[in-house]
Amino acid sequence: MNRVSNAILFGLAILLTGDVSLAYEEPRYTVLKTYETFELRQYDSYLVAETQVAGDFDEVGGQAFRRLFGFISEDNRPQGKIAMTVPVIQQPVPTPERSSTTIPLSEAGPEQRVQQNRYRFAFFMPSEYALNDLPKPVDGTVQIRSVPSRVMAARRYSGTWSEKRYRKNEKMLLEALRQAGLKTLGPPIFARYNAPFSLWFLRRNEVLIEVEAP
């Protein structure tokens, strides 16, 4: 599915799940420290519905989004629909032999840490749900997972969702973390907070990287 189709799909999802004013729930966090180009956040634990897809960075979103949106919008279950949240996240999948929880990003190149062209996408589940409250996904490619509390470095930027723009900000965050002496844990996360029809210069995009707690 091309980028235009992905944008249409995401836009329809936003329209079907509620207001387009960006008043969506997002994971709870506390800002620990603000740096010149990023901030450190302590995230509370949360639940996600996630799936894995293979393909090019700019092209895999449509397939993943269809699966995840299908899960939260299923009508034929007692629990009904699950509210849309933000952000939608995209992250490279760690290789089996080199766990992202044990190999600091600053000590290994991308080819050592991730399977090329394979990504995990995730929707955060609203905080009203406990793990046992969520329905089992009908689609076996969608999984529910609990993410523990952790410290994340976050660099915010606006603009398009292109890989080129993302990589530029990823590189800037990695360099800033190196200069700050913070050890990174695992591959970076691309977080998107807006619908695709939002004006590009008003979009909130972020690069998130787990770091070792100071």
Protein backbone atom coordinates (compact mmCIF):
# COMPACT_ATOMS: atom_id res chain seq x y z
CA MET A 1 0.00 0.00 0.00
CA ASN A 2 1.42 3.39 -0.99
CA ARG A 3 1.77 6.47 1.20
CA VAL A 4 -1.37 8.12 -0.17
CA SER A 5 -3.45 5.06 0.72
CA ASN A 6 -1.85 4.94 4.17
CA ALA A 7 -2.77 8.57 4.77
CA ILE A 8 -6.38 8.01 3.70
CA LEU A 9 -6.66 4.97 5.97
CA PHE A 10 -5.26 6.79 8.98
CA GLY A 11 -7.47 9.79 8.33
CA LEU A 12 -10.60 7.63 8.18
CA ALA A 13 -9.61 5.99 11.44
CA ILE A 14 -9.30 9.35 13.16
CA LEU A 15 -12.71 10.42 11.84
CA LEU A 16 -14.37 7.17 12.88
CA THR A 17 -12.92 7.10 16.37
CA GLY A 18 -13.71 10.64 17.44
CA ASP A 19 -12.86 14.32 17.31
CA VAL A 20 -9.93 15.46 15.16
CA SER A 21 -8.85 18.00 17.77
CA LEU A 22 -6.04 15.74 19.03
CA ALA A 23 -7.77 15.32 22.40
CA TYR A 24 -6.63 11.71 22.57
CA GLU A 25 -5.17 9.94 25.54
CA GLU A 26 -1.45 9.29 25.48
CA PRO A 27 0.82 7.37 27.87
CA ARG A 28 1.42 9.09 31.18
CA TYR A 29 4.89 10.35 31.92
CA THR A 30 6.82 12.76 34.11
CA VAL A 31 9.52 15.00 32.67
CA LEU A 32 12.70 14.32 34.63
CA LYS A 33 14.96 16.83 32.92
CA THR A 34 14.83 19.15 29.93
CA TYR A 35 17.88 19.48 27.69
CA GLU A 36 18.41 21.89 24.81
CA THR A 37 17.27 19.45 22.13
CA PHE A 38 15.42 16.70 24.03
CA GLU A 39 13.84 15.80 27.33
CA LEU A 40 14.04 12.83 29.68
CA ARG A 41 10.70 11.27 30.61
CA GLN A 42 9.75 8.68 33.18
CA TYR A 43 6.87 6.72 31.64
CA ASP A 44 4.34 4.81 33.70
CA SER A 45 3.71 1.21 32.69
CA TYR A 46 1.10 0.75 29.96
CA LEU A 47 -0.48 -1.81 27.64
CA VAL A 48 -0.14 -1.95 23.87
CA ALA A 49 -1.72 -3.81 21.00
CA GLU A 50 1.10 -4.49 18.56
CA THR A 51 1.89 -6.24 15.30
CA GLN A 52 4.96 -6.82 13.15
CA VAL A 53 5.29 -6.14 9.43
CA ALA A 54 8.08 -6.38 6.87
CA GLY A 55 8.79 -3.81 4.17
CA ASP A 56 10.20 -0.35 3.54
CA PHE A 57 10.10 2.29 6.28
CA ASP A 58 7.67 4.57 4.43
CA GLU A 59 5.42 1.80 3.10
CA VAL A 60 4.68 -0.64 5.96
CA GLY A 61 2.30 1.56 7.94
CA GLY A 62 -0.85 0.73 6.00
CA GLN A 63 -0.74 -3.00 6.62
CA ALA A 64 0.06 -2.58 10.31
CA PHE A 65 -2.57 0.10 10.80
CA ARG A 66 -5.30 -2.03 9.25
CA ARG A 67 -4.57 -4.84 11.69
CA LEU A 68 -4.46 -2.63 14.76
CA PHE A 69 -7.43 -0.52 13.80
CA GLY A 70 -9.36 -3.71 13.08
CA PHE A 71 -8.69 -4.81 16.66
CA ILE A 72 -9.85 -1.61 18.38
CA SER A 73 -12.91 -1.20 16.14
CA GLU A 74 -14.40 -4.70 16.31
CA ASP A 75 -18.15 -4.33 16.95
CA ASN A 76 -19.07 -7.97 17.45
CA ARG A 77 -17.86 -8.27 21.02
CA PRO A 78 -19.38 -7.34 24.40
CA GLN A 79 -16.66 -4.80 25.19
CA GLY A 80 -17.39 -2.78 22.06
CA LYS A 81 -14.85 -0.50 20.43
CA ILE A 82 -11.65 0.64 22.08
CA ALA A 83 -10.90 4.36 21.89
CA MET A 84 -8.15 5.62 19.60
CA THR A 85 -5.03 6.91 21.38
CA VAL A 86 -1.76 8.57 20.41
CA PRO A 87 0.94 8.16 19.40
CA VAL A 88 1.11 5.42 16.81
CA ILE A 89 4.59 3.98 17.14
CA GLN A 90 6.96 2.29 14.71
CA GLN A 91 10.15 0.56 15.83
CA PRO A 92 12.67 -1.81 14.22
CA VAL A 93 12.46 -5.41 15.46
CA PRO A 94 15.56 -6.55 17.43
CA THR A 95 17.41 -9.58 16.14
CA PRO A 96 17.00 -12.74 18.25
CA GLU A 97 20.73 -13.09 18.88
CA ARG A 98 21.19 -9.51 20.09
CA SER A 99 18.45 -8.46 22.45
CA SER A 100 17.64 -4.74 22.43
CA THR A 101 17.50 -4.82 26.23
CA THR A 102 21.16 -5.85 26.55
CA ILE A 103 23.00 -4.17 23.66
CA PRO A 104 23.23 -0.40 24.11
CA LEU A 105 22.43 1.45 20.89
CA SER A 106 25.58 3.51 21.28
CA GLU A 107 27.74 0.35 21.15
CA ALA A 108 26.25 -1.42 18.13
CA GLY A 109 25.37 -0.39 14.60
CA PRO A 110 21.87 -0.84 13.16
CA GLU A 111 22.93 -3.97 11.27
CA GLN A 112 23.83 -5.60 14.59
CA ARG A 113 20.61 -4.75 16.35
CA VAL A 114 17.65 -5.07 14.03
CA GLN A 115 16.26 -7.23 11.31
CA GLN A 116 16.40 -5.09 8.20
CA ASN A 117 12.99 -3.93 6.96
CA ARG A 118 11.01 -5.47 9.80
CA TYR A 119 9.08 -3.23 12.20
CA ARG A 120 6.72 -3.44 15.12
CA PHE A 121 3.77 -1.04 15.21
CA ALA A 122 1.71 -0.42 18.32
CA PHE A 123 -1.36 1.38 19.64
CA PHE A 124 -1.37 2.30 23.31
CA MET A 125 -4.39 0.95 25.15
CA PRO A 126 -6.50 3.45 27.14
CA SER A 127 -5.56 3.55 30.83
CA GLU A 128 -9.03 2.41 31.89
CA TYR A 129 -8.15 -1.13 30.81
CA ALA A 130 -6.29 -3.73 32.83
CA LEU A 131 -4.68 -6.61 30.98
CA ASN A 132 -7.57 -8.98 31.76
CA ASP A 133 -10.14 -6.42 30.58
CA LEU A 134 -8.93 -6.36 26.99
CA PRO A 135 -10.46 -8.78 24.50
CA LYS A 136 -8.27 -11.34 22.78
CA PRO A 137 -7.49 -10.18 19.23
CA VAL A 138 -9.23 -12.20 16.53
CA ASP A 139 -6.29 -11.54 14.22
CA GLY A 140 -3.45 -13.75 15.40
CA THR A 141 -0.86 -11.26 14.15
CA VAL A 142 -1.98 -8.76 16.81
CA GLN A 143 -0.71 -9.25 20.35
CA ILE A 144 -1.41 -7.50 23.66
CA ARG A 145 1.66 -6.72 25.72
CA SER A 146 2.47 -4.96 28.97
CA VAL A 147 5.32 -2.41 28.81
CA PRO A 148 7.00 -1.71 32.16
CA SER A 149 7.82 1.74 33.48
CA ARG A 150 10.97 3.07 31.85
CA VAL A 151 13.00 6.21 31.17
CA MET A 152 12.83 7.56 27.61
CA ALA A 153 14.65 10.33 25.83
CA ALA A 154 12.34 12.25 23.50
CA ARG A 155 13.13 14.63 20.68
CA ARG A 156 10.12 16.44 19.25
CA TYR A 157 9.95 17.78 15.70
CA SER A 158 7.35 18.86 13.17
CA GLY A 159 6.99 18.17 9.49
CA THR A 160 6.40 15.21 7.22
CA TRP A 161 6.59 11.54 8.17
CA SER A 162 9.31 10.78 5.63
CA GLU A 163 12.14 8.46 6.54
CA LYS A 164 14.66 11.14 5.56
CA ARG A 165 13.24 13.63 8.04
CA TYR A 166 12.94 10.98 10.75
CA ARG A 167 16.54 9.77 10.29
CA LYS A 168 17.81 13.34 10.55
CA ASN A 169 16.15 13.78 13.94
CA GLU A 170 17.12 10.30 15.10
CA LYS A 171 20.77 11.11 14.38
CA MET A 172 20.52 14.41 16.24
CA LEU A 173 19.02 12.73 19.30
CA LEU A 174 21.64 9.98 19.35
CA GLU A 175 24.42 12.55 19.21
CA ALA A 176 22.81 14.63 21.97
CA LEU A 177 22.52 11.54 24.18
CA ARG A 178 26.16 10.69 23.55
CA GLN A 179 27.22 14.17 24.58
CA ALA A 180 25.02 13.97 27.68
CA GLY A 181 26.63 10.66 28.67
CA LEU A 182 23.35 8.73 28.62
CA LYS A 183 23.43 5.04 27.69
CA THR A 184 20.77 4.02 25.21
CA LEU A 185 18.86 0.73 25.35
CA GLY A 186 17.35 -0.69 22.20
CA PRO A 187 16.40 0.76 18.82
CA PRO A 188 14.70 4.16 18.51
CA ILE A 189 10.94 4.57 18.20
CA PHE A 190 9.14 6.77 15.67
CA ALA A 191 6.03 8.28 17.32
CA ARG A 192 3.28 10.02 15.30
CA TYR A 193 0.62 12.06 17.08
CA ASN A 194 -1.42 13.60 14.24
CA ALA A 195 -3.72 12.58 11.43
CA PRO A 196 -2.11 12.72 7.96
CA PHE A 197 -4.35 15.59 6.84
CA SER A 198 -2.89 17.82 9.58
CA LEU A 199 -0.77 20.65 8.25
CA TRP A 200 2.78 19.33 8.09
CA PHE A 201 4.27 22.26 10.02
CA LEU A 202 1.81 21.73 12.88
CA ARG A 203 2.42 18.01 13.31
CA ARG A 204 3.91 16.59 16.47
CA ASN A 205 6.41 13.85 15.70
CA GLU A 206 8.91 12.37 18.14
CA VAL A 207 11.94 10.15 18.26
CA LEU A 208 11.90 8.13 21.49
CA ILE A 209 14.78 6.04 22.85
CA GLU A 210 14.90 4.11 26.08
CA VAL A 211 17.90 5.08 28.21
CA GLU A 212 19.49 3.74 31.34
CA ALA A 213 18.04 5.58 34.33
CA PRO A 214 20.39 8.35 35.51
